[in-house]
Amino acid sequence: MDLAMVTIEELSESSQEISLLRVRSFDPSIYLVEVEIDDTCYRVADKAGEPLRFRGLTAAKRAFAGLPIKDAVLVHESAYDEMVGLPVSEGNHMEVRISVPAE
């Protein structure tokens, strides 16, 4: 699924509320972020249009501090199915609510 891109700067300049901030954990040191605004999902990108990568959950959360965020979750997708030779499963993930610093 290809998502539209948005930068943190664009989110900061906008007054729209982020209904969901989704931090995706792909590796212990690679975190990507998606946001949902008005039922549309966007991948957060850098100024060059590449997905913005964070080295940890704390770094990802700090980058969005102070933005109007209604809800936030951490999503960890398991590679277990793939590792044991099964087809990749769409529903093999864990989702946990997290908080984002207010300031």
N, C-alpha and C. Protein backbone atom coordinates (compact mmCIF):
# COMPACT_ATOMS: atom_id res chain seq x y z
N MET A 1 0.84 -1.17 0.00
CA MET A 1 0.00 0.00 0.00
C MET A 1 0.89 1.24 0.00
N ASP A 2 0.75 2.07 -1.00
CA ASP A 2 1.49 3.32 -1.07
C ASP A 2 0.72 4.40 -0.33
N LEU A 3 1.43 5.09 0.55
CA LEU A 3 0.81 6.15 1.33
C LEU A 3 1.32 7.50 0.86
N ALA A 4 0.48 8.50 1.00
CA ALA A 4 0.91 9.88 0.74
C ALA A 4 1.94 10.24 1.81
N MET A 5 2.81 11.16 1.49
CA MET A 5 3.86 11.57 2.42
C MET A 5 3.54 12.93 3.03
N VAL A 6 3.99 13.13 4.25
CA VAL A 6 3.87 14.41 4.95
C VAL A 6 5.12 14.57 5.81
N THR A 7 5.60 15.80 5.96
CA THR A 7 6.76 16.04 6.81
C THR A 7 6.31 16.52 8.20
N ILE A 8 7.21 16.43 9.16
CA ILE A 8 6.90 16.93 10.50
C ILE A 8 6.66 18.43 10.44
N GLU A 9 7.41 19.12 9.59
CA GLU A 9 7.23 20.57 9.45
C GLU A 9 5.83 20.89 8.96
N GLU A 10 5.33 20.13 8.00
CA GLU A 10 3.97 20.35 7.49
C GLU A 10 2.94 20.07 8.59
N LEU A 11 3.18 19.04 9.39
CA LEU A 11 2.27 18.74 10.49
C LEU A 11 2.28 19.85 11.53
N SER A 12 3.46 20.41 11.79
CA SER A 12 3.58 21.49 12.77
C SER A 12 2.87 22.75 12.31
N GLU A 13 2.94 23.03 11.01
CA GLU A 13 2.31 24.23 10.46
C GLU A 13 0.80 24.10 10.35
N SER A 14 0.32 22.87 10.26
CA SER A 14 -1.11 22.63 10.12
C SER A 14 -1.78 22.67 11.49
N SER A 15 -3.01 23.07 11.52
CA SER A 15 -3.75 23.08 12.79
C SER A 15 -4.63 21.84 12.93
N GLN A 16 -4.51 20.91 11.99
CA GLN A 16 -5.36 19.72 12.02
C GLN A 16 -4.91 18.76 13.11
N GLU A 17 -5.89 18.15 13.76
CA GLU A 17 -5.58 17.15 14.78
C GLU A 17 -5.19 15.83 14.12
N ILE A 18 -4.16 15.21 14.67
CA ILE A 18 -3.74 13.87 14.22
C ILE A 18 -4.58 12.89 15.01
N SER A 19 -5.48 12.19 14.33
CA SER A 19 -6.36 11.27 15.04
C SER A 19 -5.60 10.04 15.54
N LEU A 20 -4.56 9.62 14.80
CA LEU A 20 -3.76 8.47 15.24
C LEU A 20 -2.33 8.62 14.76
N LEU A 21 -1.40 8.50 15.68
CA LEU A 21 0.03 8.45 15.37
C LEU A 21 0.42 6.98 15.52
N ARG A 22 0.91 6.38 14.46
CA ARG A 22 1.27 4.96 14.47
C ARG A 22 2.78 4.84 14.28
N VAL A 23 3.47 4.36 15.32
CA VAL A 23 4.91 4.14 15.24
C VAL A 23 5.11 2.66 14.93
N ARG A 24 5.74 2.38 13.79
CA ARG A 24 5.95 0.99 13.37
C ARG A 24 7.38 0.56 13.67
N SER A 25 7.52 -0.52 14.42
CA SER A 25 8.83 -1.07 14.77
C SER A 25 9.16 -2.19 13.79
N PHE A 26 10.20 -1.97 12.99
CA PHE A 26 10.60 -2.98 12.02
C PHE A 26 11.84 -3.74 12.48
N ASP A 27 12.55 -3.17 13.42
CA ASP A 27 13.82 -3.71 13.87
C ASP A 27 14.07 -3.02 15.20
N PRO A 28 14.92 -3.55 16.06
CA PRO A 28 15.17 -2.85 17.32
C PRO A 28 15.69 -1.42 17.15
N SER A 29 16.16 -1.08 15.95
CA SER A 29 16.68 0.29 15.77
C SER A 29 16.11 1.00 14.55
N ILE A 30 15.00 0.52 14.01
CA ILE A 30 14.35 1.20 12.88
C ILE A 30 12.86 1.37 13.18
N TYR A 31 12.46 2.62 13.30
CA TYR A 31 11.07 2.96 13.56
C TYR A 31 10.60 3.94 12.50
N LEU A 32 9.47 3.65 11.88
CA LEU A 32 8.84 4.54 10.90
C LEU A 32 7.51 4.99 11.48
N VAL A 33 7.04 6.16 11.04
CA VAL A 33 5.82 6.71 11.62
C VAL A 33 4.80 7.00 10.53
N GLU A 34 3.55 6.69 10.84
CA GLU A 34 2.41 7.03 9.99
C GLU A 34 1.44 7.85 10.85
N VAL A 35 0.72 8.74 10.21
CA VAL A 35 -0.30 9.52 10.91
C VAL A 35 -1.61 9.41 10.15
N GLU A 36 -2.70 9.45 10.89
CA GLU A 36 -4.02 9.50 10.28
C GLU A 36 -4.64 10.84 10.60
N ILE A 37 -5.07 11.53 9.54
CA ILE A 37 -5.74 12.82 9.66
C ILE A 37 -6.98 12.77 8.77
N ASP A 38 -8.13 13.03 9.36
CA ASP A 38 -9.39 13.01 8.59
C ASP A 38 -9.54 11.74 7.76
N ASP A 39 -9.33 10.59 8.39
CA ASP A 39 -9.49 9.27 7.75
C ASP A 39 -8.52 9.02 6.60
N THR A 40 -7.45 9.79 6.49
CA THR A 40 -6.43 9.57 5.48
C THR A 40 -5.12 9.26 6.19
N CYS A 41 -4.43 8.23 5.72
CA CYS A 41 -3.17 7.81 6.33
C CYS A 41 -2.00 8.37 5.53
N TYR A 42 -1.00 8.92 6.24
CA TYR A 42 0.19 9.49 5.62
C TYR A 42 1.43 8.87 6.25
N ARG A 43 2.44 8.65 5.48
CA ARG A 43 3.74 8.23 6.01
C ARG A 43 4.54 9.50 6.26
N VAL A 44 5.19 9.60 7.39
CA VAL A 44 6.00 10.77 7.72
C VAL A 44 7.33 10.65 7.00
N ALA A 45 7.69 11.71 6.27
CA ALA A 45 8.89 11.70 5.43
C ALA A 45 9.81 12.85 5.82
N ASP A 46 11.07 12.75 5.36
CA ASP A 46 12.00 13.86 5.54
C ASP A 46 11.79 14.85 4.41
N LYS A 47 12.58 15.91 4.38
CA LYS A 47 12.40 16.95 3.36
C LYS A 47 12.69 16.45 1.95
N ALA A 48 13.44 15.35 1.83
CA ALA A 48 13.75 14.78 0.51
C ALA A 48 12.67 13.81 0.03
N GLY A 49 11.65 13.58 0.87
CA GLY A 49 10.56 12.69 0.49
C GLY A 49 10.80 11.23 0.84
N GLU A 50 11.87 10.94 1.57
CA GLU A 50 12.15 9.57 2.01
C GLU A 50 11.49 9.33 3.37
N PRO A 51 11.03 8.10 3.63
CA PRO A 51 10.44 7.84 4.94
C PRO A 51 11.41 8.22 6.06
N LEU A 52 10.90 8.95 7.03
CA LEU A 52 11.72 9.42 8.15
C LEU A 52 11.93 8.26 9.10
N ARG A 53 13.20 7.94 9.36
CA ARG A 53 13.55 6.82 10.24
C ARG A 53 14.03 7.34 11.58
N PHE A 54 13.61 6.63 12.61
CA PHE A 54 14.04 6.95 13.96
C PHE A 54 14.79 5.73 14.50
N ARG A 55 15.74 5.97 15.40
CA ARG A 55 16.56 4.90 15.97
C ARG A 55 15.96 4.28 17.22
N GLY A 56 14.86 4.84 17.69
CA GLY A 56 14.22 4.29 18.88
C GLY A 56 12.85 4.90 19.07
N LEU A 57 12.06 4.27 19.92
CA LEU A 57 10.70 4.75 20.18
C LEU A 57 10.73 6.13 20.83
N THR A 58 11.64 6.34 21.75
CA THR A 58 11.72 7.64 22.43
C THR A 58 12.02 8.76 21.45
N ALA A 59 12.93 8.53 20.52
CA ALA A 59 13.26 9.55 19.50
C ALA A 59 12.04 9.85 18.64
N ALA A 60 11.30 8.83 18.27
CA ALA A 60 10.10 9.03 17.45
C ALA A 60 9.05 9.83 18.22
N LYS A 61 8.85 9.50 19.48
CA LYS A 61 7.86 10.21 20.29
C LYS A 61 8.25 11.68 20.49
N ARG A 62 9.52 11.94 20.75
CA ARG A 62 9.98 13.32 20.97
C ARG A 62 9.77 14.20 19.74
N ALA A 63 9.93 13.62 18.56
CA ALA A 63 9.80 14.39 17.32
C ALA A 63 8.39 14.96 17.14
N PHE A 64 7.40 14.34 17.77
CA PHE A 64 6.01 14.75 17.62
C PHE A 64 5.46 15.46 18.86
N ALA A 65 6.33 15.74 19.82
CA ALA A 65 5.91 16.41 21.05
C ALA A 65 5.29 17.76 20.72
N GLY A 66 4.19 18.06 21.37
CA GLY A 66 3.53 19.35 21.19
C GLY A 66 2.52 19.39 20.05
N LEU A 67 2.48 18.36 19.21
CA LEU A 67 1.49 18.34 18.12
C LEU A 67 0.15 17.86 18.67
N PRO A 68 -0.96 18.27 18.06
CA PRO A 68 -2.28 17.84 18.53
C PRO A 68 -2.57 16.39 18.13
N ILE A 69 -2.26 15.46 19.02
CA ILE A 69 -2.41 14.03 18.74
C ILE A 69 -3.47 13.46 19.67
N LYS A 70 -4.48 12.86 19.08
CA LYS A 70 -5.58 12.28 19.86
C LYS A 70 -5.19 10.93 20.46
N ASP A 71 -4.54 10.08 19.65
CA ASP A 71 -4.19 8.73 20.10
C ASP A 71 -2.88 8.31 19.43
N ALA A 72 -2.13 7.43 20.10
CA ALA A 72 -0.86 6.95 19.54
C ALA A 72 -0.68 5.49 19.89
N VAL A 73 -0.11 4.74 18.94
CA VAL A 73 0.15 3.31 19.15
C VAL A 73 1.52 2.94 18.61
N LEU A 74 2.09 1.90 19.23
CA LEU A 74 3.30 1.26 18.74
C LEU A 74 2.87 -0.04 18.10
N VAL A 75 3.31 -0.30 16.87
CA VAL A 75 2.96 -1.53 16.17
C VAL A 75 4.24 -2.30 15.90
N HIS A 76 4.26 -3.55 16.38
CA HIS A 76 5.39 -4.43 16.11
C HIS A 76 4.88 -5.60 15.28
N GLU A 77 5.44 -5.74 14.09
CA GLU A 77 5.03 -6.82 13.21
C GLU A 77 6.02 -7.97 13.35
N SER A 78 5.50 -9.14 13.60
CA SER A 78 6.34 -10.31 13.80
C SER A 78 6.76 -10.92 12.47
N ALA A 79 8.01 -11.33 12.40
CA ALA A 79 8.51 -12.02 11.20
C ALA A 79 8.52 -13.53 11.43
N TYR A 80 7.85 -13.98 12.49
CA TYR A 80 7.88 -15.39 12.84
C TYR A 80 7.39 -16.29 11.71
N ASP A 81 6.24 -15.96 11.11
CA ASP A 81 5.69 -16.79 10.03
C ASP A 81 6.72 -16.98 8.92
N GLU A 82 7.33 -15.88 8.51
CA GLU A 82 8.32 -15.91 7.45
C GLU A 82 9.53 -16.75 7.85
N MET A 83 9.92 -16.66 9.10
CA MET A 83 11.11 -17.37 9.58
C MET A 83 10.92 -18.88 9.57
N VAL A 84 9.70 -19.36 9.73
CA VAL A 84 9.47 -20.80 9.76
C VAL A 84 8.91 -21.33 8.45
N GLY A 85 8.97 -20.50 7.40
CA GLY A 85 8.59 -20.95 6.07
C GLY A 85 7.12 -20.82 5.73
N LEU A 86 6.35 -20.15 6.55
CA LEU A 86 4.93 -19.93 6.26
C LEU A 86 4.76 -18.65 5.46
N PRO A 87 3.65 -18.49 4.76
CA PRO A 87 3.40 -17.23 4.06
C PRO A 87 3.31 -16.08 5.06
N VAL A 88 3.68 -14.90 4.62
CA VAL A 88 3.62 -13.72 5.48
C VAL A 88 2.17 -13.48 5.86
N SER A 89 1.92 -13.30 7.15
CA SER A 89 0.56 -13.11 7.67
C SER A 89 0.30 -11.63 7.89
N GLU A 90 -0.83 -11.15 7.40
CA GLU A 90 -1.20 -9.73 7.57
C GLU A 90 -1.52 -9.41 9.03
N GLY A 91 -2.07 -10.37 9.76
CA GLY A 91 -2.54 -10.07 11.10
C GLY A 91 -1.57 -10.44 12.21
N ASN A 92 -0.32 -10.75 11.88
CA ASN A 92 0.63 -11.18 12.89
C ASN A 92 1.40 -9.98 13.43
N HIS A 93 0.70 -9.16 14.22
CA HIS A 93 1.33 -7.99 14.80
C HIS A 93 0.76 -7.70 16.18
N MET A 94 1.49 -6.90 16.92
CA MET A 94 1.06 -6.49 18.25
C MET A 94 0.94 -4.97 18.23
N GLU A 95 -0.13 -4.46 18.80
CA GLU A 95 -0.36 -3.02 18.84
C GLU A 95 -0.57 -2.60 20.28
N VAL A 96 0.23 -1.61 20.74
CA VAL A 96 0.18 -1.16 22.12
C VAL A 96 0.00 0.35 22.14
N ARG A 97 -0.91 0.84 22.97
CA ARG A 97 -1.10 2.29 23.11
C ARG A 97 0.13 2.89 23.79
N ILE A 98 0.52 4.07 23.32
CA ILE A 98 1.65 4.79 23.90
C ILE A 98 1.25 6.25 24.09
N SER A 99 2.04 6.96 24.87
CA SER A 99 1.80 8.38 25.05
C SER A 99 2.89 9.16 24.32
N VAL A 100 2.56 10.38 23.94
CA VAL A 100 3.51 11.26 23.27
C VAL A 100 3.69 12.48 24.16
N PRO A 101 4.94 12.92 24.39
CA PRO A 101 5.14 14.07 25.27
C PRO A 101 4.33 15.29 24.82
N ALA A 102 3.75 15.99 25.78
CA ALA A 102 2.96 17.19 25.47
C ALA A 102 3.84 18.32 25.00
N GLU A 103 5.04 18.40 25.48
CA GLU A 103 5.96 19.49 25.11
C GLU A 103 7.30 18.92 24.72
